[in-house]
N, C-alpha and C. Protein backbone atom coordinates (compact mmCIF):
# COMPACT_ATOMS: atom_id res chain seq x y z
N MET A 1 -26.09 -53.87 22.95
CA MET A 1 -26.94 -53.78 21.97
C MET A 1 -27.38 -55.13 21.33
N THR A 2 -28.61 -54.84 21.08
CA THR A 2 -29.50 -56.23 20.36
C THR A 2 -29.24 -56.37 18.66
N ARG A 3 -28.58 -57.39 18.27
CA ARG A 3 -28.44 -57.34 16.82
C ARG A 3 -29.57 -58.20 16.34
N ALA A 4 -30.00 -58.02 14.76
CA ALA A 4 -31.21 -58.97 14.42
C ALA A 4 -30.23 -59.01 12.94
N LEU A 5 -30.56 -60.08 12.18
CA LEU A 5 -30.41 -60.87 10.87
C LEU A 5 -31.92 -60.37 10.09
N ILE A 6 -31.85 -59.71 9.40
CA ILE A 6 -33.26 -60.05 8.34
C ILE A 6 -32.86 -60.59 7.11
N VAL A 7 -33.45 -61.74 6.69
CA VAL A 7 -33.42 -62.39 5.41
C VAL A 7 -34.29 -62.05 4.46
N VAL A 8 -34.33 -61.30 3.40
CA VAL A 8 -35.18 -61.17 2.69
C VAL A 8 -35.27 -61.80 1.33
N ASP A 9 -36.46 -62.15 1.20
CA ASP A 9 -37.26 -62.91 0.39
C ASP A 9 -36.27 -63.83 -0.41
N VAL A 10 -36.21 -65.06 0.43
CA VAL A 10 -35.26 -65.87 -0.20
C VAL A 10 -36.33 -67.24 -0.27
N GLN A 11 -36.92 -67.11 -1.55
CA GLN A 11 -38.00 -67.91 -2.26
C GLN A 11 -38.03 -68.17 -3.17
N ASN A 12 -38.54 -69.22 -3.65
CA ASN A 12 -38.38 -70.54 -4.64
C ASN A 12 -38.40 -69.67 -5.95
N ASP A 13 -39.23 -68.70 -5.90
CA ASP A 13 -39.76 -67.84 -7.14
C ASP A 13 -38.74 -66.70 -7.77
N PHE A 14 -37.76 -66.36 -6.44
CA PHE A 14 -36.67 -65.82 -6.65
C PHE A 14 -35.40 -66.29 -7.19
N CYS A 15 -35.13 -67.66 -6.75
CA CYS A 15 -34.22 -68.65 -6.99
C CYS A 15 -34.53 -69.28 -8.52
N GLU A 16 -33.20 -69.52 -8.85
CA GLU A 16 -32.93 -70.24 -10.04
C GLU A 16 -34.30 -71.01 -10.38
N GLY A 17 -34.85 -71.15 -11.29
CA GLY A 17 -36.07 -72.17 -12.11
C GLY A 17 -37.43 -71.46 -11.28
N GLY A 18 -37.33 -70.21 -10.53
CA GLY A 18 -38.76 -69.79 -10.29
C GLY A 18 -38.96 -68.63 -11.19
N SER A 19 -40.21 -68.30 -11.10
CA SER A 19 -40.95 -67.35 -12.24
C SER A 19 -40.20 -65.86 -12.33
N MET A 20 -39.38 -65.74 -11.31
CA MET A 20 -38.14 -64.62 -11.40
C MET A 20 -36.96 -64.89 -10.73
N GLY A 21 -36.46 -65.95 -11.13
CA GLY A 21 -35.13 -66.48 -10.76
C GLY A 21 -33.85 -65.73 -10.55
N VAL A 22 -33.32 -65.05 -9.79
CA VAL A 22 -31.97 -64.28 -9.87
C VAL A 22 -30.82 -65.40 -9.45
N ASP A 23 -30.09 -65.26 -10.80
CA ASP A 23 -28.93 -66.08 -11.12
C ASP A 23 -27.86 -65.90 -9.24
N GLY A 24 -27.44 -66.67 -8.90
CA GLY A 24 -27.23 -66.93 -7.55
C GLY A 24 -28.05 -67.05 -6.30
N GLY A 25 -29.27 -67.54 -6.47
CA GLY A 25 -30.36 -67.06 -5.27
C GLY A 25 -30.10 -68.58 -4.34
N ALA A 26 -30.21 -69.53 -5.18
CA ALA A 26 -29.75 -70.90 -4.54
C ALA A 26 -28.94 -70.49 -3.86
N ALA A 27 -27.71 -70.38 -4.17
CA ALA A 27 -26.65 -70.30 -3.36
C ALA A 27 -26.43 -69.31 -2.35
N VAL A 28 -27.22 -68.24 -2.16
CA VAL A 28 -27.50 -67.09 -1.35
C VAL A 28 -27.86 -67.91 -0.18
N ALA A 29 -29.00 -68.36 -0.28
CA ALA A 29 -29.93 -69.62 0.44
C ALA A 29 -29.01 -70.56 1.18
N GLN A 30 -28.28 -70.94 0.84
CA GLN A 30 -27.00 -72.13 1.23
C GLN A 30 -25.92 -71.12 2.01
N SER A 31 -25.61 -69.85 1.61
CA SER A 31 -24.51 -68.94 2.17
C SER A 31 -25.30 -68.80 3.44
N ILE A 32 -26.82 -67.92 3.86
CA ILE A 32 -27.41 -67.64 4.66
C ILE A 32 -27.64 -68.49 6.04
N THR A 33 -27.92 -69.90 5.50
CA THR A 33 -27.81 -71.08 6.46
C THR A 33 -26.09 -71.07 6.68
N ASP A 34 -25.15 -71.18 6.13
CA ASP A 34 -24.05 -71.38 6.65
C ASP A 34 -23.63 -70.01 7.34
N LEU A 35 -23.95 -69.38 7.28
CA LEU A 35 -24.01 -67.86 8.18
C LEU A 35 -24.29 -68.18 9.62
N VAL A 36 -25.31 -68.38 9.60
CA VAL A 36 -26.58 -68.35 10.76
C VAL A 36 -26.21 -69.97 11.23
N GLY A 37 -26.02 -71.15 11.05
CA GLY A 37 -26.47 -72.07 11.26
C GLY A 37 -27.40 -72.57 11.76
N HIS A 38 -27.88 -73.70 12.44
CA HIS A 38 -29.60 -74.20 12.71
C HIS A 38 -29.96 -73.48 13.88
N GLY A 39 -28.96 -72.46 14.36
CA GLY A 39 -29.63 -71.98 15.57
C GLY A 39 -29.72 -70.10 15.32
N ARG A 40 -29.15 -69.05 15.81
CA ARG A 40 -29.39 -67.64 15.49
C ARG A 40 -27.51 -67.41 15.19
N GLY A 41 -27.35 -68.02 15.29
CA GLY A 41 -24.95 -67.44 15.04
C GLY A 41 -24.93 -66.51 16.03
N GLU A 42 -24.62 -65.52 15.51
CA GLU A 42 -24.07 -64.40 15.96
C GLU A 42 -25.18 -62.89 16.56
N TYR A 43 -26.83 -63.79 16.23
CA TYR A 43 -27.92 -62.42 16.23
C TYR A 43 -28.36 -62.86 17.59
N ASP A 44 -28.87 -61.75 18.06
CA ASP A 44 -30.03 -61.61 18.97
C ASP A 44 -30.91 -62.50 18.73
N VAL A 45 -31.75 -62.24 17.42
CA VAL A 45 -32.94 -62.51 16.48
C VAL A 45 -32.63 -62.64 15.30
N VAL A 46 -33.26 -63.09 14.35
CA VAL A 46 -33.31 -63.69 13.22
C VAL A 46 -34.70 -63.83 12.60
N VAL A 47 -35.06 -62.67 11.65
CA VAL A 47 -36.22 -62.82 10.87
C VAL A 47 -36.34 -62.51 9.18
N ALA A 48 -37.29 -62.88 8.84
CA ALA A 48 -37.46 -63.30 7.40
C ALA A 48 -38.65 -62.45 7.23
N THR A 49 -38.12 -62.12 5.47
CA THR A 49 -39.50 -61.58 4.92
C THR A 49 -40.12 -62.50 3.56
N LYS A 50 -41.01 -62.94 3.46
CA LYS A 50 -41.62 -62.74 2.32
C LYS A 50 -42.55 -62.12 1.22
N ASP A 51 -42.47 -61.76 0.11
CA ASP A 51 -43.24 -61.85 -0.74
C ASP A 51 -44.95 -62.91 -0.54
N TRP A 52 -45.67 -62.40 -0.58
CA TRP A 52 -46.85 -62.90 0.01
C TRP A 52 -48.46 -62.05 -0.87
N HIS A 53 -47.98 -62.21 -2.15
CA HIS A 53 -49.32 -61.68 -3.21
C HIS A 53 -50.44 -62.87 -2.89
N VAL A 54 -51.72 -61.67 -2.62
CA VAL A 54 -53.04 -62.39 -2.71
C VAL A 54 -53.53 -61.64 -4.07
N ASP A 55 -53.47 -60.62 -4.16
CA ASP A 55 -54.06 -59.39 -5.13
C ASP A 55 -53.33 -58.29 -5.15
N PRO A 56 -52.12 -58.34 -6.01
CA PRO A 56 -51.58 -57.42 -5.75
C PRO A 56 -51.70 -56.41 -6.75
N GLY A 57 -52.75 -56.16 -7.57
CA GLY A 57 -53.10 -55.35 -8.11
C GLY A 57 -52.35 -55.40 -9.55
N ASP A 58 -51.89 -53.98 -9.98
CA ASP A 58 -50.97 -54.03 -11.26
C ASP A 58 -49.55 -54.20 -11.18
N HIS A 59 -49.46 -54.54 -9.72
CA HIS A 59 -47.94 -55.06 -9.65
C HIS A 59 -47.40 -56.19 -10.55
N PHE A 60 -48.59 -56.92 -10.56
CA PHE A 60 -48.41 -58.57 -11.85
C PHE A 60 -48.90 -57.43 -12.96
N ALA A 61 -48.01 -57.86 -13.98
CA ALA A 61 -48.28 -57.20 -15.57
C ALA A 61 -49.58 -57.82 -15.83
N ASP A 62 -50.51 -56.91 -16.90
CA ASP A 62 -51.20 -57.32 -17.87
C ASP A 62 -50.50 -58.93 -18.91
N PRO A 63 -51.72 -59.75 -18.73
CA PRO A 63 -50.71 -60.70 -19.53
C PRO A 63 -50.80 -60.25 -21.00
N GLU A 64 -51.77 -59.50 -21.27
CA GLU A 64 -51.41 -59.16 -22.89
C GLU A 64 -50.33 -58.31 -23.45
N VAL A 65 -50.03 -57.64 -22.18
CA VAL A 65 -49.02 -56.46 -22.36
C VAL A 65 -47.69 -56.71 -22.19
N GLY A 66 -47.38 -57.49 -21.23
CA GLY A 66 -46.29 -58.11 -20.28
C GLY A 66 -45.68 -57.26 -19.64
N PRO A 67 -44.53 -57.76 -18.68
CA PRO A 67 -43.91 -57.03 -17.09
C PRO A 67 -42.94 -55.65 -18.08
N ASP A 68 -42.92 -54.53 -17.50
CA ASP A 68 -41.77 -53.73 -17.97
C ASP A 68 -40.65 -54.10 -17.08
N PHE A 69 -40.43 -54.86 -15.74
CA PHE A 69 -39.29 -55.05 -14.85
C PHE A 69 -39.03 -53.71 -14.09
N VAL A 70 -40.03 -52.87 -14.04
CA VAL A 70 -39.76 -51.57 -12.98
C VAL A 70 -40.95 -51.31 -12.20
N ASN A 71 -42.09 -51.65 -12.60
CA ASN A 71 -43.27 -51.23 -12.14
C ASN A 71 -44.07 -52.67 -12.25
N THR A 72 -43.95 -53.60 -13.32
CA THR A 72 -44.83 -54.30 -13.42
C THR A 72 -44.10 -55.79 -13.69
N TRP A 73 -44.47 -56.89 -13.34
CA TRP A 73 -43.78 -57.88 -12.98
C TRP A 73 -44.49 -59.43 -13.47
N PRO A 74 -43.82 -60.48 -13.71
CA PRO A 74 -44.60 -61.52 -13.99
C PRO A 74 -45.19 -62.09 -12.82
N PRO A 75 -46.08 -62.58 -12.41
CA PRO A 75 -46.51 -63.45 -11.15
C PRO A 75 -45.25 -64.40 -10.61
N HIS A 76 -45.38 -63.97 -9.05
CA HIS A 76 -44.21 -64.21 -8.31
C HIS A 76 -45.10 -64.47 -6.90
N CYS A 77 -44.69 -65.51 -5.95
CA CYS A 77 -44.59 -65.76 -4.75
C CYS A 77 -46.13 -65.02 -4.68
N VAL A 78 -46.89 -66.06 -5.00
CA VAL A 78 -48.24 -66.18 -5.06
C VAL A 78 -49.13 -66.67 -3.42
N ALA A 79 -49.34 -65.78 -2.38
CA ALA A 79 -49.58 -66.34 -1.41
C ALA A 79 -49.84 -68.22 -1.18
N ASP A 80 -49.51 -68.97 -0.58
CA ASP A 80 -49.54 -70.71 -0.37
C ASP A 80 -49.10 -71.75 -1.82
N THR A 81 -47.92 -70.77 -2.52
CA THR A 81 -47.56 -71.48 -3.42
C THR A 81 -46.23 -72.05 -3.36
N ASP A 82 -46.11 -73.19 -4.09
CA ASP A 82 -44.53 -73.30 -3.75
C ASP A 82 -43.41 -72.08 -4.36
N GLY A 83 -43.97 -71.37 -5.01
CA GLY A 83 -43.26 -70.18 -5.32
C GLY A 83 -42.76 -69.06 -4.44
N ALA A 84 -43.82 -69.59 -3.21
CA ALA A 84 -43.67 -68.69 -2.21
C ALA A 84 -42.89 -69.14 -1.24
N ARG A 85 -42.47 -70.24 -1.05
CA ARG A 85 -42.24 -71.00 0.06
C ARG A 85 -40.65 -70.59 0.31
N PHE A 86 -39.88 -70.58 1.48
CA PHE A 86 -38.43 -70.50 1.27
C PHE A 86 -37.92 -71.39 0.81
N HIS A 87 -36.27 -71.35 0.14
CA HIS A 87 -35.80 -72.32 -0.60
C HIS A 87 -35.56 -73.17 0.23
N ASP A 88 -35.40 -74.27 -0.51
CA ASP A 88 -35.14 -75.50 0.43
C ASP A 88 -33.60 -75.24 1.28
N SER A 89 -32.72 -74.88 0.54
CA SER A 89 -31.55 -74.65 1.06
C SER A 89 -31.60 -73.61 2.06
N LEU A 90 -32.40 -72.88 2.36
CA LEU A 90 -32.34 -71.61 3.59
C LEU A 90 -33.15 -72.67 4.74
N THR A 91 -32.11 -73.13 5.69
CA THR A 91 -32.65 -73.80 6.72
C THR A 91 -32.83 -73.20 8.45
N VAL A 92 -32.18 -71.71 7.85
CA VAL A 92 -32.12 -71.05 9.57
C VAL A 92 -33.37 -71.35 10.25
N ALA A 93 -33.71 -71.28 11.66
CA ALA A 93 -34.34 -70.84 12.56
C ALA A 93 -34.53 -69.39 12.69
N VAL A 94 -36.07 -68.92 12.55
CA VAL A 94 -36.19 -67.44 12.50
C VAL A 94 -37.03 -67.56 13.60
N ASP A 95 -37.34 -66.37 14.20
CA ASP A 95 -38.07 -66.12 15.16
C ASP A 95 -39.51 -65.62 14.56
N GLU A 96 -39.42 -65.10 13.26
CA GLU A 96 -40.60 -64.66 13.00
C GLU A 96 -40.67 -64.47 11.57
N VAL A 97 -41.60 -64.57 10.77
CA VAL A 97 -41.76 -64.40 9.26
C VAL A 97 -42.41 -63.00 8.99
N PHE A 98 -42.16 -61.92 8.20
CA PHE A 98 -42.95 -60.86 7.67
C PHE A 98 -43.71 -60.77 6.40
N LEU A 99 -45.23 -61.07 6.12
CA LEU A 99 -45.45 -61.27 5.00
C LEU A 99 -45.60 -59.65 4.23
N LYS A 100 -45.31 -59.36 3.40
CA LYS A 100 -45.41 -58.24 2.59
C LYS A 100 -46.22 -58.23 1.42
N GLY A 101 -46.84 -57.15 0.59
CA GLY A 101 -47.19 -57.38 -0.74
C GLY A 101 -48.73 -57.87 -0.96
N ARG A 102 -49.60 -58.36 -0.20
CA ARG A 102 -50.84 -58.93 -0.29
C ARG A 102 -51.86 -58.64 -1.00
N THR A 103 -51.85 -57.26 -1.18
CA THR A 103 -52.85 -56.19 -1.83
C THR A 103 -52.10 -55.17 -2.78
N THR A 104 -50.73 -54.76 -2.45
CA THR A 104 -50.23 -54.15 -3.16
C THR A 104 -48.82 -54.21 -3.64
N ALA A 105 -48.16 -53.63 -4.48
CA ALA A 105 -46.59 -53.65 -4.79
C ALA A 105 -45.57 -53.41 -3.19
N SER A 106 -44.75 -54.24 -2.83
CA SER A 106 -43.81 -54.01 -1.93
C SER A 106 -42.88 -54.36 -2.06
N TYR A 107 -41.79 -53.07 -1.63
CA TYR A 107 -40.41 -54.30 -1.73
C TYR A 107 -39.74 -54.25 -0.65
N THR A 108 -39.90 -53.46 0.58
CA THR A 108 -39.46 -53.40 1.67
C THR A 108 -40.18 -54.44 2.67
N GLY A 109 -39.47 -54.99 3.18
CA GLY A 109 -39.70 -55.72 4.55
C GLY A 109 -40.50 -54.94 5.62
N PHE A 110 -40.16 -53.85 5.78
CA PHE A 110 -40.81 -53.08 6.57
C PHE A 110 -42.04 -52.86 6.68
N ASP A 111 -42.89 -53.12 5.13
CA ASP A 111 -44.20 -53.19 5.16
C ASP A 111 -44.82 -54.33 5.57
N GLY A 112 -43.85 -55.30 5.62
CA GLY A 112 -44.64 -56.84 6.31
C GLY A 112 -45.19 -57.08 7.42
N GLY A 113 -46.14 -57.60 7.36
CA GLY A 113 -47.06 -57.77 8.86
C GLY A 113 -46.43 -59.20 9.11
N ALA A 114 -46.13 -59.39 10.55
CA ALA A 114 -46.04 -60.62 11.27
C ALA A 114 -46.76 -61.62 10.95
N ALA A 115 -46.28 -62.57 10.28
CA ALA A 115 -47.51 -64.24 9.96
C ALA A 115 -48.27 -64.64 11.11
N ALA A 116 -47.78 -64.35 12.43
CA ALA A 116 -48.38 -64.90 14.05
C ALA A 116 -49.37 -63.70 14.00
N ASP A 117 -49.37 -62.49 13.47
CA ASP A 117 -50.15 -61.35 13.87
C ASP A 117 -50.06 -59.98 12.43
N GLU A 118 -50.50 -60.11 11.66
CA GLU A 118 -50.06 -59.57 10.62
C GLU A 118 -50.32 -58.14 10.95
N SER A 119 -51.02 -57.47 12.26
CA SER A 119 -51.09 -55.86 12.54
C SER A 119 -49.69 -55.53 12.92
N ILE A 120 -48.72 -56.34 13.28
CA ILE A 120 -47.61 -56.15 13.96
C ILE A 120 -46.47 -56.14 13.03
N LEU A 121 -46.07 -54.96 12.48
CA LEU A 121 -44.82 -54.60 11.25
C LEU A 121 -43.44 -54.69 11.95
N LEU A 122 -42.57 -54.85 11.10
CA LEU A 122 -41.75 -55.55 11.09
C LEU A 122 -40.66 -54.26 12.41
N GLY A 123 -40.95 -52.99 12.08
CA GLY A 123 -40.02 -52.11 12.78
C GLY A 123 -40.51 -52.17 14.14
N GLU A 124 -41.67 -52.37 14.28
CA GLU A 124 -42.55 -52.45 15.49
C GLU A 124 -41.90 -53.59 16.46
N TRP A 125 -41.89 -54.78 15.54
CA TRP A 125 -41.33 -55.83 16.38
C TRP A 125 -40.04 -55.83 16.83
N LEU A 126 -39.11 -55.39 15.81
CA LEU A 126 -37.97 -54.93 16.18
C LEU A 126 -37.74 -54.18 17.33
N ALA A 127 -38.21 -53.11 17.34
CA ALA A 127 -38.11 -52.25 18.17
C ALA A 127 -38.58 -52.88 19.95
N ALA A 128 -39.70 -53.43 19.76
CA ALA A 128 -40.20 -54.63 20.71
C ALA A 128 -39.21 -55.32 21.57
N ARG A 129 -38.19 -55.49 20.89
CA ARG A 129 -37.21 -56.60 21.60
C ARG A 129 -35.80 -55.66 21.49
N ASP A 130 -35.81 -54.63 21.50
CA ASP A 130 -34.79 -53.70 21.53
C ASP A 130 -33.55 -53.93 20.77
N VAL A 131 -33.68 -53.86 19.52
CA VAL A 131 -32.76 -54.26 18.66
C VAL A 131 -32.30 -52.64 18.44
N THR A 132 -31.31 -52.84 18.01
CA THR A 132 -30.40 -51.37 17.86
C THR A 132 -29.97 -51.40 16.21
N GLU A 133 -29.33 -52.61 16.13
CA GLU A 133 -28.54 -53.07 14.70
C GLU A 133 -28.84 -54.11 13.99
N VAL A 134 -28.95 -54.09 12.43
CA VAL A 134 -29.56 -55.03 11.50
C VAL A 134 -28.43 -55.49 10.35
N ASP A 135 -28.49 -56.90 10.24
CA ASP A 135 -27.71 -57.15 9.08
C ASP A 135 -28.50 -57.58 8.31
N VAL A 136 -28.74 -56.87 7.03
CA VAL A 136 -29.63 -57.17 5.94
C VAL A 136 -28.85 -58.40 4.92
N VAL A 137 -29.67 -59.38 4.53
CA VAL A 137 -29.24 -60.54 3.53
C VAL A 137 -30.32 -60.91 2.45
N GLY A 138 -30.23 -61.53 1.58
CA GLY A 138 -30.92 -62.06 0.62
C GLY A 138 -30.99 -61.77 -0.80
N ILE A 139 -32.54 -61.42 -1.16
CA ILE A 139 -32.64 -61.47 -2.86
C ILE A 139 -33.80 -60.09 -2.96
N ALA A 140 -33.57 -59.48 -3.84
CA ALA A 140 -32.69 -59.15 -4.58
C ALA A 140 -31.88 -57.90 -3.93
N THR A 141 -30.71 -57.85 -4.12
CA THR A 141 -29.51 -56.67 -3.93
C THR A 141 -30.63 -55.20 -4.19
N ASP A 142 -30.66 -55.31 -5.38
CA ASP A 142 -30.93 -54.10 -6.19
C ASP A 142 -32.60 -53.76 -6.28
N HIS A 143 -33.14 -54.65 -5.25
CA HIS A 143 -34.86 -53.98 -5.54
C HIS A 143 -35.15 -54.56 -3.59
N CYS A 144 -35.53 -55.44 -3.15
CA CYS A 144 -36.11 -55.82 -2.07
C CYS A 144 -34.88 -55.71 -0.71
N VAL A 145 -34.03 -56.14 -0.97
CA VAL A 145 -32.63 -55.88 0.15
C VAL A 145 -32.44 -54.13 -0.07
N ARG A 146 -32.34 -53.73 -1.38
CA ARG A 146 -31.93 -52.26 -0.91
C ARG A 146 -33.18 -51.42 -0.07
N ALA A 147 -34.43 -51.68 -0.46
CA ALA A 147 -35.45 -51.13 0.13
C ALA A 147 -35.56 -51.17 1.53
N THR A 148 -35.40 -52.49 2.17
CA THR A 148 -35.38 -52.70 3.24
C THR A 148 -34.58 -52.45 4.19
N ALA A 149 -32.88 -52.42 3.54
CA ALA A 149 -32.10 -51.65 4.16
C ALA A 149 -31.99 -50.52 4.59
N LEU A 150 -32.61 -49.44 3.35
CA LEU A 150 -32.85 -48.20 3.16
C LEU A 150 -33.67 -47.62 4.45
N ASP A 151 -35.36 -48.36 4.53
CA ASP A 151 -36.40 -48.74 5.48
C ASP A 151 -35.62 -48.67 6.88
N ALA A 152 -34.67 -49.61 7.21
CA ALA A 152 -34.02 -49.60 8.29
C ALA A 152 -32.96 -48.96 9.02
N HIS A 153 -32.47 -48.37 8.04
CA HIS A 153 -31.66 -46.92 8.63
C HIS A 153 -32.60 -45.68 8.73
N GLU A 154 -33.64 -45.66 8.01
CA GLU A 154 -34.70 -44.54 8.13
C GLU A 154 -35.33 -44.63 9.74
N ALA A 155 -35.58 -45.96 9.67
CA ALA A 155 -36.03 -46.33 11.20
C ALA A 155 -35.24 -45.95 12.25
N GLY A 156 -34.03 -46.01 11.89
CA GLY A 156 -32.80 -45.48 13.26
C GLY A 156 -31.93 -46.96 13.64
N PHE A 157 -32.18 -48.18 12.88
CA PHE A 157 -31.15 -49.00 13.18
C PHE A 157 -30.08 -49.13 12.20
N ALA A 158 -28.86 -49.34 13.12
CA ALA A 158 -27.59 -49.14 12.47
C ALA A 158 -27.51 -50.31 11.50
N THR A 159 -27.59 -50.07 10.32
CA THR A 159 -27.91 -51.38 9.09
C THR A 159 -26.50 -51.41 8.33
N ARG A 160 -26.46 -52.58 8.22
CA ARG A 160 -25.22 -53.45 7.58
C ARG A 160 -25.90 -54.34 6.23
N VAL A 161 -25.65 -54.15 5.04
CA VAL A 161 -25.67 -55.08 4.45
C VAL A 161 -24.55 -55.79 3.92
N LEU A 162 -24.60 -57.40 4.17
CA LEU A 162 -23.76 -58.18 3.61
C LEU A 162 -23.62 -58.72 2.35
N LEU A 163 -23.02 -58.01 1.46
CA LEU A 163 -23.22 -58.83 -0.21
C LEU A 163 -22.93 -60.04 -0.45
N GLY A 164 -22.16 -60.68 0.73
CA GLY A 164 -21.57 -61.51 -0.13
C GLY A 164 -22.79 -62.80 0.38
N HIS A 165 -24.06 -62.31 1.01
CA HIS A 165 -24.81 -63.21 1.62
C HIS A 165 -25.95 -62.65 0.67
N CYS A 166 -25.77 -62.24 -0.55
CA CYS A 166 -26.68 -61.47 -1.40
C CYS A 166 -27.06 -61.83 -2.86
N ALA A 167 -27.97 -61.85 -3.68
CA ALA A 167 -27.81 -62.00 -4.99
C ALA A 167 -28.84 -60.41 -5.35
N GLY A 168 -28.19 -60.30 -6.57
CA GLY A 168 -28.72 -58.75 -7.51
C GLY A 168 -29.24 -59.34 -8.77
N VAL A 169 -30.35 -58.53 -9.26
CA VAL A 169 -30.64 -59.05 -10.83
C VAL A 169 -29.73 -58.71 -11.71
N ALA A 170 -29.18 -57.34 -11.57
CA ALA A 170 -28.32 -56.89 -12.84
C ALA A 170 -27.22 -55.92 -12.07
N ALA A 171 -25.81 -55.99 -13.08
CA ALA A 171 -24.81 -55.36 -12.00
C ALA A 171 -24.95 -54.22 -11.85
N ASP A 172 -25.73 -53.62 -13.17
CA ASP A 172 -25.74 -51.82 -13.18
C ASP A 172 -26.96 -51.68 -11.83
N THR A 173 -28.01 -52.32 -11.94
CA THR A 173 -28.93 -51.68 -10.86
C THR A 173 -28.53 -52.00 -9.63
N THR A 174 -27.68 -53.46 -9.25
CA THR A 174 -26.79 -53.22 -8.19
C THR A 174 -26.11 -52.46 -7.47
N GLU A 175 -24.88 -52.10 -8.58
CA GLU A 175 -23.92 -51.12 -8.08
C GLU A 175 -24.88 -49.72 -7.86
N ALA A 176 -25.75 -49.33 -8.30
CA ALA A 176 -26.70 -48.24 -8.43
C ALA A 176 -27.23 -48.07 -6.67
N ALA A 177 -27.81 -49.57 -6.44
CA ALA A 177 -28.45 -49.66 -5.08
C ALA A 177 -27.33 -49.55 -4.22
N ILE A 178 -26.16 -50.19 -4.47
CA ILE A 178 -24.93 -50.02 -3.22
C ILE A 178 -24.67 -48.78 -3.22
N VAL A 179 -24.33 -47.92 -4.08
CA VAL A 179 -24.13 -46.27 -4.16
C VAL A 179 -25.05 -45.58 -3.16
N GLU A 180 -26.50 -45.91 -3.70
CA GLU A 180 -27.17 -45.31 -2.89
C GLU A 180 -27.55 -45.55 -1.09
N MET A 181 -27.34 -46.87 -1.44
CA MET A 181 -27.18 -47.24 0.64
C MET A 181 -26.14 -46.69 1.57
N VAL A 182 -24.85 -46.68 0.56
CA VAL A 182 -24.13 -46.04 0.97
C VAL A 182 -23.95 -44.37 1.44
N ALA A 183 -24.63 -43.81 0.36
CA ALA A 183 -24.79 -42.55 0.48
C ALA A 183 -25.62 -42.30 1.74
N VAL A 184 -26.34 -42.77 2.03
CA VAL A 184 -27.43 -42.44 3.24
C VAL A 184 -26.82 -42.88 4.43
N GLY A 185 -25.63 -43.82 4.61
CA GLY A 185 -25.15 -44.21 5.68
C GLY A 185 -25.15 -45.61 6.04
N VAL A 186 -25.75 -46.66 5.10
CA VAL A 186 -25.76 -48.01 5.36
C VAL A 186 -24.51 -48.57 4.99
N ILE A 187 -23.81 -49.18 6.36
CA ILE A 187 -22.58 -50.13 5.83
C ILE A 187 -23.10 -51.30 5.15
N VAL A 188 -21.84 -51.29 3.55
CA VAL A 188 -22.30 -52.62 2.70
C VAL A 188 -20.53 -52.81 2.93
N GLU A 189 -20.97 -54.20 3.00
CA GLU A 189 -19.71 -55.09 3.22
C GLU A 189 -19.50 -56.22 2.71
């Protein structure tokens, strides 16, 4: 069996001090680095996703109305900005980065195209490397980690979410995400 680690959106804008900072984001960046080390750790492949917004339409809230934090959000992870960069504490070697949300809202890494060739999506890339199992970590447990884990499971990968290496936005939505993931067969540890 081939195992992959999917590191979801550990970007400056999602860590403390960012435009949509999540409490514990910087600690998660460090914990993932500690988990993997500077190689691949126990994983055959390590990939990461990034929100990479160029013009995501109404994903960014109208400044006059403000965000509803369900469908509309403050501007974040604008392509080629400091906010879109990985947090400095995330220093793992990744085999590929998958960029999502260029022109639409996107919560799952499985929408992401490879930075090297955006026509190659995450699921295809993993399948081409005979990956059968994935661990999902990152930010935020109740949004993009949840969506990525659900899509990984739906795509047929044995999927595990490592909560000790994730940060959620809010306790209630994080708990709901955990219940949803477990209900479909995602292992949450």
